[in-house]
C-alpha cells in the first residue's frame, strides 16, 4: 500500500511540475505581450492619455495575466504541500 501511495505522489509531483512549467511560460508570454509605456516619455504625455481604461484584448490580457499568476501560486503551494507530506 505504501509503495502505491509513493508512486501516486510521484506521478502527481511530475504532473504538477509540467503544469508549473506551462503556467510559467504563459505568465511570461502574457506579461511580455502587454502594452508598455514609452518610459519617461509617458511622464510628459497629455492628461488624456494618462488615465484611460483598458478595453478589448488589452483588458482580457490584463485579467488573464492576473489569473495565470494566481493559478501558478496555487499550483506551487500544492506542490510544496505534497513534497512536505511525502517527506514526512
PDB file of N, CA and C in Angstrom:
ATOM      1  N   UNK A   1       0.826  -1.202   0.000  1.00  0.00           N
ATOM      2  CA  UNK A   1       0.000   0.000   0.000  1.00  0.00           C
ATOM      3  C   UNK A   1       0.861   1.253   0.000  1.00  0.00           C
ATOM      4  N   UNK A   2       1.936   1.229   0.774  1.00  0.00           N
ATOM      5  CA  UNK A   2       2.820   2.387   0.857  1.00  0.00           C
ATOM      6  C   UNK A   2       3.507   2.648  -0.477  1.00  0.00           C
ATOM      7  N   UNK A   3       3.868   1.586  -1.197  1.00  0.00           N
ATOM      8  CA  UNK A   3       4.532   1.751  -2.492  1.00  0.00           C
ATOM      9  C   UNK A   3       3.583   2.367  -3.509  1.00  0.00           C
ATOM     10  N   UNK A   4       2.319   1.974  -3.460  1.00  0.00           N
ATOM     11  CA  UNK A   4       1.327   2.550  -4.376  1.00  0.00           C
ATOM     12  C   UNK A   4       1.130   4.024  -4.070  1.00  0.00           C
ATOM     13  N   UNK A   5       1.092   4.378  -2.791  1.00  0.00           N
ATOM     14  CA  UNK A   5       0.922   5.771  -2.381  1.00  0.00           C
ATOM     15  C   UNK A   5       2.110   6.617  -2.833  1.00  0.00           C
ATOM     16  N   UNK A   6       3.321   6.075  -2.668  1.00  0.00           N
ATOM     17  CA  UNK A   6       4.512   6.822  -3.078  1.00  0.00           C
ATOM     18  C   UNK A   6       4.563   6.995  -4.586  1.00  0.00           C
ATOM     19  N   UNK A   7       4.132   5.969  -5.317  1.00  0.00           N
ATOM     20  CA  UNK A   7       4.096   6.066  -6.773  1.00  0.00           C
ATOM     21  C   UNK A   7       3.079   7.103  -7.215  1.00  0.00           C
ATOM     22  N   UNK A   8       1.928   7.115  -6.572  1.00  0.00           N
ATOM     23  CA  UNK A   8       0.891   8.087  -6.907  1.00  0.00           C
ATOM     24  C   UNK A   8       1.362   9.510  -6.630  1.00  0.00           C
ATOM     25  N   UNK A   9       2.035   9.717  -5.503  1.00  0.00           N
ATOM     26  CA  UNK A   9       2.563  11.039  -5.171  1.00  0.00           C
ATOM     27  C   UNK A   9       3.633  11.441  -6.183  1.00  0.00           C
ATOM     28  N   UNK A  10       4.457  10.493  -6.593  1.00  0.00           N
ATOM     29  CA  UNK A  10       5.482  10.782  -7.590  1.00  0.00           C
ATOM     30  C   UNK A  10       4.884  11.212  -8.920  1.00  0.00           C
ATOM     31  N   UNK A  11       3.823  10.524  -9.328  1.00  0.00           N
ATOM     32  CA  UNK A  11       3.143  10.888 -10.581  1.00  0.00           C
ATOM     33  C   UNK A  11       2.503  12.264 -10.453  1.00  0.00           C
ATOM     34  N   UNK A  12       1.906  12.534  -9.307  1.00  0.00           N
ATOM     35  CA  UNK A  12       1.281  13.841  -9.095  1.00  0.00           C
ATOM     36  C   UNK A  12       2.325  14.952  -9.093  1.00  0.00           C
ATOM     37  N   UNK A  13       3.485  14.695  -8.499  1.00  0.00           N
ATOM     38  CA  UNK A  13       4.545  15.708  -8.488  1.00  0.00           C
ATOM     39  C   UNK A  13       5.067  15.981  -9.892  1.00  0.00           C
ATOM     40  N   UNK A  14       5.193  14.936 -10.700  1.00  0.00           N
ATOM     41  CA  UNK A  14       5.629  15.130 -12.085  1.00  0.00           C
ATOM     42  C   UNK A  14       4.590  15.934 -12.876  1.00  0.00           C
ATOM     43  N   UNK A  15       3.320  15.616 -12.664  1.00  0.00           N
ATOM     44  CA  UNK A  15       2.259  16.345 -13.355  1.00  0.00           C
ATOM     45  C   UNK A  15       2.238  17.810 -12.920  1.00  0.00           C
ATOM     46  N   UNK A  16       2.406  18.046 -11.621  1.00  0.00           N
ATOM     47  CA  UNK A  16       2.428  19.429 -11.139  1.00  0.00           C
ATOM     48  C   UNK A  16       3.625  20.193 -11.691  1.00  0.00           C
ATOM     49  N   UNK A  17       4.759  19.509 -11.854  1.00  0.00           N
ATOM     50  CA  UNK A  17       5.933  20.161 -12.434  1.00  0.00           C
ATOM     51  C   UNK A  17       5.650  20.601 -13.867  1.00  0.00           C
ATOM     52  N   UNK A  18       4.994  19.750 -14.632  1.00  0.00           N
ATOM     53  CA  UNK A  18       4.659  20.095 -16.021  1.00  0.00           C
ATOM     54  C   UNK A  18       3.677  21.262 -16.064  1.00  0.00           C
ATOM     55  N   UNK A  19       2.689  21.240 -15.174  1.00  0.00           N
ATOM     56  CA  UNK A  19       1.706  22.328 -15.107  1.00  0.00           C
ATOM     57  C   UNK A  19       2.384  23.630 -14.685  1.00  0.00           C
ATOM     58  N   UNK A  20       3.296  23.564 -13.711  1.00  0.00           N
ATOM     59  CA  UNK A  20       4.038  24.758 -13.286  1.00  0.00           C
ATOM     60  C   UNK A  20       4.838  25.344 -14.433  1.00  0.00           C
ATOM     61  N   UNK A  21       5.500  24.481 -15.182  1.00  0.00           N
ATOM     62  CA  UNK A  21       6.311  24.937 -16.313  1.00  0.00           C
ATOM     63  C   UNK A  21       5.442  25.625 -17.365  1.00  0.00           C
ATOM     64  N   UNK A  22       4.316  25.003 -17.697  1.00  0.00           N
ATOM     65  CA  UNK A  22       3.420  25.586 -18.705  1.00  0.00           C
ATOM     66  C   UNK A  22       2.847  26.919 -18.230  1.00  0.00           C
ATOM     67  N   UNK A  23       2.448  26.988 -16.960  1.00  0.00           N
ATOM     68  CA  UNK A  23       1.901  28.240 -16.424  1.00  0.00           C
ATOM     69  C   UNK A  23       2.966  29.332 -16.380  1.00  0.00           C
ATOM     70  N   UNK A  24       4.200  28.964 -16.059  1.00  0.00           N
ATOM     71  CA  UNK A  24       5.276  29.956 -16.039  1.00  0.00           C
ATOM     72  C   UNK A  24       5.513  30.523 -17.431  1.00  0.00           C
ATOM     73  N   UNK A  25       5.500  29.665 -18.448  1.00  0.00           N
ATOM     74  CA  UNK A  25       5.665  30.133 -19.833  1.00  0.00           C
ATOM     75  C   UNK A  25       4.503  31.039 -20.221  1.00  0.00           C
ATOM     76  N   UNK A  26       3.277  30.663 -19.864  1.00  0.00           N
ATOM     77  CA  UNK A  26       2.108  31.501 -20.163  1.00  0.00           C
ATOM     78  C   UNK A  26       2.192  32.851 -19.459  1.00  0.00           C
ATOM     79  N   UNK A  27       2.644  32.847 -18.221  1.00  0.00           N
ATOM     80  CA  UNK A  27       2.752  34.099 -17.468  1.00  0.00           C
ATOM     81  C   UNK A  27       3.800  35.014 -18.092  1.00  0.00           C
ATOM     82  N   UNK A  28       4.930  34.469 -18.467  1.00  0.00           N
ATOM     83  CA  UNK A  28       5.977  35.264 -19.118  1.00  0.00           C
ATOM     84  C   UNK A  28       5.462  35.839 -20.426  1.00  0.00           C
ATOM     85  N   UNK A  29       4.792  35.018 -21.224  1.00  0.00           N
ATOM     86  CA  UNK A  29       4.275  35.485 -22.510  1.00  0.00           C
ATOM     87  C   UNK A  29       3.219  36.572 -22.332  1.00  0.00           C
ATOM     88  N   UNK A  30       2.329  36.391 -21.363  1.00  0.00           N
ATOM     89  CA  UNK A  30       1.275  37.390 -21.185  1.00  0.00           C
ATOM     90  C   UNK A  30       1.830  38.711 -20.664  1.00  0.00           C
ATOM     91  N   UNK A  31       2.865  38.659 -19.842  1.00  0.00           N
ATOM     92  CA  UNK A  31       3.476  39.902 -19.370  1.00  0.00           C
ATOM     93  C   UNK A  31       4.192  40.599 -20.521  1.00  0.00           C
ATOM     94  N   UNK A  32       4.893  39.835 -21.349  1.00  0.00           N
ATOM     95  CA  UNK A  32       5.619  40.438 -22.461  1.00  0.00           C
ATOM     96  C   UNK A  32       4.695  40.993 -23.544  1.00  0.00           C
ATOM     97  N   UNK A  33       3.501  40.438 -23.669  1.00  0.00           N
ATOM     98  CA  UNK A  33       2.565  40.905 -24.686  1.00  0.00           C
ATOM     99  C   UNK A  33       1.806  42.159 -24.289  1.00  0.00           C
ATOM    100  N   UNK A  34       1.826  42.490 -23.023  1.00  0.00           N
ATOM    101  CA  UNK A  34       1.082  43.663 -22.587  1.00  0.00           C
ATOM    102  C   UNK A  34       1.731  44.933 -23.116  1.00  0.00           C
ATOM    103  N   UNK A  35       0.894  45.904 -23.375  1.00  0.00           N
ATOM    104  CA  UNK A  35       1.355  47.198 -23.881  1.00  0.00           C
ATOM    105  C   UNK A  35       2.127  47.920 -22.790  1.00  0.00           C
ATOM    106  N   UNK A  36       3.312  48.371 -23.142  1.00  0.00           N
ATOM    107  CA  UNK A  36       4.121  49.105 -22.173  1.00  0.00           C
ATOM    108  C   UNK A  36       4.110  50.585 -22.514  1.00  0.00           C
ATOM    109  N   UNK A  37       4.355  51.383 -21.492  1.00  0.00           N
ATOM    110  CA  UNK A  37       4.505  52.813 -21.711  1.00  0.00           C
ATOM    111  C   UNK A  37       5.808  53.092 -22.440  1.00  0.00           C
ATOM    112  N   UNK A  38       6.016  54.321 -22.796  1.00  0.00           N
ATOM    113  CA  UNK A  38       7.219  54.669 -23.545  1.00  0.00           C
ATOM    114  C   UNK A  38       8.306  55.179 -22.620  1.00  0.00           C
ATOM    115  N   UNK A  39       8.385  54.619 -21.431  1.00  0.00           N
ATOM    116  CA  UNK A  39       9.422  55.029 -20.497  1.00  0.00           C
ATOM    117  C   UNK A  39       9.142  56.407 -19.940  1.00  0.00           C
ATOM    118  N   UNK A  40      10.148  57.278 -19.941  1.00  0.00           N
ATOM    119  CA  UNK A  40       9.974  58.623 -19.415  1.00  0.00           C
ATOM    120  C   UNK A  40       9.099  59.489 -20.313  1.00  0.00           C
ATOM    121  N   UNK A  41       8.960  59.110 -21.561  1.00  0.00           N
ATOM    122  CA  UNK A  41       8.081  59.858 -22.461  1.00  0.00           C
ATOM    123  C   UNK A  41       6.643  59.832 -21.992  1.00  0.00           C
ATOM    124  N   UNK A  42       6.243  58.746 -21.305  1.00  0.00           N
ATOM    125  CA  UNK A  42       4.886  58.659 -20.772  1.00  0.00           C
ATOM    126  C   UNK A  42       4.649  59.647 -19.644  1.00  0.00           C
ATOM    127  N   UNK A  43       5.696  60.069 -18.970  1.00  0.00           N
ATOM    128  CA  UNK A  43       5.553  61.025 -17.872  1.00  0.00           C
ATOM    129  C   UNK A  43       5.188  62.407 -18.391  1.00  0.00           C
ATOM    130  N   UNK A  44       5.580  62.718 -19.617  1.00  0.00           N
ATOM    131  CA  UNK A  44       5.309  64.038 -20.186  1.00  0.00           C
ATOM    132  C   UNK A  44       4.130  64.024 -21.146  1.00  0.00           C
ATOM    133  N   UNK A  45       3.354  62.953 -21.138  1.00  0.00           N
ATOM    134  CA  UNK A  45       2.201  62.853 -22.036  1.00  0.00           C
ATOM    135  C   UNK A  45       1.085  63.759 -21.549  1.00  0.00           C
ATOM    136  N   UNK A  46       0.122  63.981 -22.430  1.00  0.00           N
ATOM    137  CA  UNK A  46      -1.011  64.819 -22.056  1.00  0.00           C
ATOM    138  C   UNK A  46      -1.883  64.090 -21.042  1.00  0.00           C
ATOM    139  N   UNK A  47      -2.725  64.821 -20.366  1.00  0.00           N
ATOM    140  CA  UNK A  47      -3.575  64.252 -19.325  1.00  0.00           C
ATOM    141  C   UNK A  47      -4.578  63.249 -19.887  1.00  0.00           C
ATOM    142  N   UNK A  48      -4.960  63.397 -21.142  1.00  0.00           N
ATOM    143  CA  UNK A  48      -5.940  62.494 -21.731  1.00  0.00           C
ATOM    144  C   UNK A  48      -5.389  61.075 -21.831  1.00  0.00           C
ATOM    145  N   UNK A  49      -4.104  60.937 -22.041  1.00  0.00           N
ATOM    146  CA  UNK A  49      -3.516  59.613 -22.166  1.00  0.00           C
ATOM    147  C   UNK A  49      -3.091  59.024 -20.823  1.00  0.00           C
ATOM    148  N   UNK A  50      -3.058  59.826 -19.791  1.00  0.00           N
ATOM    149  CA  UNK A  50      -2.563  59.357 -18.507  1.00  0.00           C
ATOM    150  C   UNK A  50      -3.520  58.360 -17.859  1.00  0.00           C
ATOM    151  N   UNK A  51      -4.814  58.606 -17.913  1.00  0.00           N
ATOM    152  CA  UNK A  51      -5.785  57.729 -17.292  1.00  0.00           C
ATOM    153  C   UNK A  51      -6.778  57.271 -18.337  1.00  0.00           C
ATOM    154  N   UNK A  52      -6.581  56.068 -18.818  1.00  0.00           N
ATOM    155  CA  UNK A  52      -7.545  55.523 -19.769  1.00  0.00           C
ATOM    156  C   UNK A  52      -7.875  54.107 -19.355  1.00  0.00           C
ATOM    157  N   UNK A  53      -9.055  53.677 -19.707  1.00  0.00           N
ATOM    158  CA  UNK A  53      -9.466  52.331 -19.300  1.00  0.00           C
ATOM    159  C   UNK A  53      -9.007  51.313 -20.335  1.00  0.00           C
ATOM    160  N   UNK A  54      -8.798  50.099 -19.859  1.00  0.00           N
ATOM    161  CA  UNK A  54      -8.407  49.016 -20.748  1.00  0.00           C
ATOM    162  C   UNK A  54      -9.660  48.491 -21.427  1.00  0.00           C
ATOM    163  N   UNK A  55      -9.532  48.197 -22.704  1.00  0.00           N
ATOM    164  CA  UNK A  55     -10.668  47.689 -23.458  1.00  0.00           C
ATOM    165  C   UNK A  55     -10.226  46.549 -24.347  1.00  0.00           C
ATOM    166  N   UNK A  56     -11.146  45.665 -24.645  1.00  0.00           N
ATOM    167  CA  UNK A  56     -10.913  44.606 -25.610  1.00  0.00           C
ATOM    168  C   UNK A  56      -9.838  43.628 -25.177  1.00  0.00           C
ATOM    169  N   UNK A  57      -8.924  43.378 -26.119  1.00  0.00           N
ATOM    170  CA  UNK A  57      -7.876  42.389 -25.890  1.00  0.00           C
ATOM    171  C   UNK A  57      -6.926  42.829 -24.787  1.00  0.00           C
ATOM    172  N   UNK A  58      -6.735  44.128 -24.621  1.00  0.00           N
ATOM    173  CA  UNK A  58      -5.857  44.626 -23.559  1.00  0.00           C
ATOM    174  C   UNK A  58      -6.418  44.280 -22.181  1.00  0.00           C
ATOM    175  N   UNK A  59      -7.727  44.410 -22.019  1.00  0.00           N
ATOM    176  CA  UNK A  59      -8.366  44.063 -20.749  1.00  0.00           C
ATOM    177  C   UNK A  59      -8.316  42.559 -20.510  1.00  0.00           C
ATOM    178  N   UNK A  60      -8.568  41.787 -21.570  1.00  0.00           N
ATOM    179  CA  UNK A  60      -8.504  40.331 -21.455  1.00  0.00           C
ATOM    180  C   UNK A  60      -7.101  39.873 -21.078  1.00  0.00           C
ATOM    181  N   UNK A  61      -6.092  40.456 -21.707  1.00  0.00           N
ATOM    182  CA  UNK A  61      -4.711  40.087 -21.413  1.00  0.00           C
ATOM    183  C   UNK A  61      -4.326  40.459 -19.989  1.00  0.00           C
ATOM    184  N   UNK A  62      -4.777  41.611 -19.536  1.00  0.00           N
ATOM    185  CA  UNK A  62      -4.514  42.052 -18.164  1.00  0.00           C
ATOM    186  C   UNK A  62      -5.139  41.101 -17.150  1.00  0.00           C
ATOM    187  N   UNK A  63      -6.419  40.779 -17.359  1.00  0.00           N
ATOM    188  CA  UNK A  63      -7.126  39.887 -16.434  1.00  0.00           C
ATOM    189  C   UNK A  63      -6.561  38.467 -16.481  1.00  0.00           C
ATOM    190  N   UNK A  64      -6.207  37.995 -17.676  1.00  0.00           N
ATOM    191  CA  UNK A  64      -5.665  36.643 -17.777  1.00  0.00           C
ATOM    192  C   UNK A  64      -4.279  36.555 -17.147  1.00  0.00           C
ATOM    193  N   UNK A  65      -3.504  37.630 -17.184  1.00  0.00           N
ATOM    194  CA  UNK A  65      -2.204  37.637 -16.529  1.00  0.00           C
ATOM    195  C   UNK A  65      -2.365  37.478 -15.022  1.00  0.00           C
ATOM    196  N   UNK A  66      -3.335  38.173 -14.455  1.00  0.00           N
ATOM    197  CA  UNK A  66      -3.603  38.050 -13.026  1.00  0.00           C
ATOM    198  C   UNK A  66      -4.075  36.632 -12.700  1.00  0.00           C
ATOM    199  N   UNK A  67      -4.965  36.089 -13.517  1.00  0.00           N
ATOM    200  CA  UNK A  67      -5.497  34.749 -13.269  1.00  0.00           C
ATOM    201  C   UNK A  67      -4.398  33.691 -13.361  1.00  0.00           C
ATOM    202  N   UNK A  68      -3.547  33.784 -14.377  1.00  0.00           N
ATOM    203  CA  UNK A  68      -2.462  32.808 -14.527  1.00  0.00           C
ATOM    204  C   UNK A  68      -1.495  32.913 -13.355  1.00  0.00           C
ATOM    205  N   UNK A  69      -1.218  34.117 -12.890  1.00  0.00           N
ATOM    206  CA  UNK A  69      -0.339  34.300 -11.737  1.00  0.00           C
ATOM    207  C   UNK A  69      -0.907  33.675 -10.485  1.00  0.00           C
ATOM    208  N   UNK A  70      -2.201  33.857 -10.248  1.00  0.00           N
ATOM    209  CA  UNK A  70      -2.853  33.291  -9.067  1.00  0.00           C
ATOM    210  C   UNK A  70      -2.875  31.763  -9.151  1.00  0.00           C
ATOM    211  N   UNK A  71      -3.177  31.235 -10.326  1.00  0.00           N
ATOM    212  CA  UNK A  71      -3.192  29.785 -10.508  1.00  0.00           C
ATOM    213  C   UNK A  71      -1.796  29.205 -10.321  1.00  0.00           C
ATOM    214  N   UNK A  72      -0.783  29.891 -10.824  1.00  0.00           N
ATOM    215  CA  UNK A  72       0.591  29.429 -10.658  1.00  0.00           C
ATOM    216  C   UNK A  72       0.983  29.371  -9.182  1.00  0.00           C
ATOM    217  N   UNK A  73       0.625  30.380  -8.430  1.00  0.00           N
ATOM    218  CA  UNK A  73       0.927  30.374  -6.994  1.00  0.00           C
ATOM    219  C   UNK A  73       0.199  29.221  -6.305  1.00  0.00           C
ATOM    220  N   UNK A  74      -1.046  28.970  -6.672  1.00  0.00           N
ATOM    221  CA  UNK A  74      -1.802  27.871  -6.064  1.00  0.00           C
ATOM    222  C   UNK A  74      -1.176  26.515  -6.392  1.00  0.00           C
ATOM    223  N   UNK A  75      -0.740  26.335  -7.625  1.00  0.00           N
ATOM    224  CA  UNK A  75      -0.118  25.070  -8.022  1.00  0.00           C
ATOM    225  C   UNK A  75       1.212  24.882  -7.303  1.00  0.00           C
ATOM    226  N   UNK A  76       1.985  25.947  -7.167  1.00  0.00           N
ATOM    227  CA  UNK A  76       3.266  25.849  -6.454  1.00  0.00           C
ATOM    228  C   UNK A  76       3.034  25.500  -4.983  1.00  0.00           C
ATOM    229  N   UNK A  77       2.013  26.078  -4.369  1.00  0.00           N
ATOM    230  CA  UNK A  77       1.701  25.744  -2.980  1.00  0.00           C
ATOM    231  C   UNK A  77       1.240  24.293  -2.836  1.00  0.00           C
ATOM    232  N   UNK A  78       0.470  23.798  -3.801  1.00  0.00           N
ATOM    233  CA  UNK A  78       0.076  22.382  -3.784  1.00  0.00           C
ATOM    234  C   UNK A  78       1.300  21.486  -3.927  1.00  0.00           C
ATOM    235  N   UNK A  79       2.211  21.855  -4.811  1.00  0.00           N
ATOM    236  CA  UNK A  79       3.449  21.101  -4.993  1.00  0.00           C
ATOM    237  C   UNK A  79       4.259  21.081  -3.701  1.00  0.00           C
ATOM    238  N   UNK A  80       4.372  22.205  -3.065  1.00  0.00           N
ATOM    239  CA  UNK A  80       5.104  22.294  -1.804  1.00  0.00           C
ATOM    240  C   UNK A  80       4.457  21.435  -0.724  1.00  0.00           C
ATOM    241  N   UNK A  81       3.137  21.497  -0.634  1.00  0.00           N
ATOM    242  CA  UNK A  81       2.398  20.693   0.351  1.00  0.00           C
ATOM    243  C   UNK A  81       2.626  19.201   0.118  1.00  0.00           C
ATOM    244  N   UNK A  82       2.570  18.771  -1.160  1.00  0.00           N
ATOM    245  CA  UNK A  82       2.793  17.365  -1.467  1.00  0.00           C
ATOM    246  C   UNK A  82       4.211  16.914  -1.144  1.00  0.00           C
ATOM    247  N   UNK A  83       5.172  17.780  -1.425  1.00  0.00           N
ATOM    248  CA  UNK A  83       6.568  17.420  -1.128  1.00  0.00           C
ATOM    249  C   UNK A  83       6.806  17.327   0.378  1.00  0.00           C
ATOM    250  N   UNK A  84       6.198  18.209   1.154  1.00  0.00           N
ATOM    251  CA  UNK A  84       6.344  18.148   2.608  1.00  0.00           C
ATOM    252  C   UNK A  84       5.677  16.879   3.156  1.00  0.00           C
ATOM    253  N   UNK A  85       4.472  16.566   2.658  1.00  0.00           N
ATOM    254  CA  UNK A  85       3.749  15.389   3.131  1.00  0.00           C
ATOM    255  C   UNK A  85       4.464  14.105   2.734  1.00  0.00           C
ATOM    256  N   UNK A  86       5.057  14.066   1.537  1.00  0.00           N
ATOM    257  CA  UNK A  86       5.723  12.835   1.097  1.00  0.00           C
ATOM    258  C   UNK A  86       7.061  12.643   1.818  1.00  0.00           C
ATOM    259  N   UNK A  87       7.661  13.711   2.294  1.00  0.00           N
ATOM    260  CA  UNK A  87       8.933  13.584   3.015  1.00  0.00           C
ATOM    261  C   UNK A  87       8.717  13.109   4.448  1.00  0.00           C
ATOM    262  N   UNK A  88       7.552  13.398   4.995  1.00  0.00           N
ATOM    263  CA  UNK A  88       7.286  13.027   6.395  1.00  0.00           C
ATOM    264  C   UNK A  88       6.924  11.578   6.559  1.00  0.00           C
TER     265      UNK A  88
END
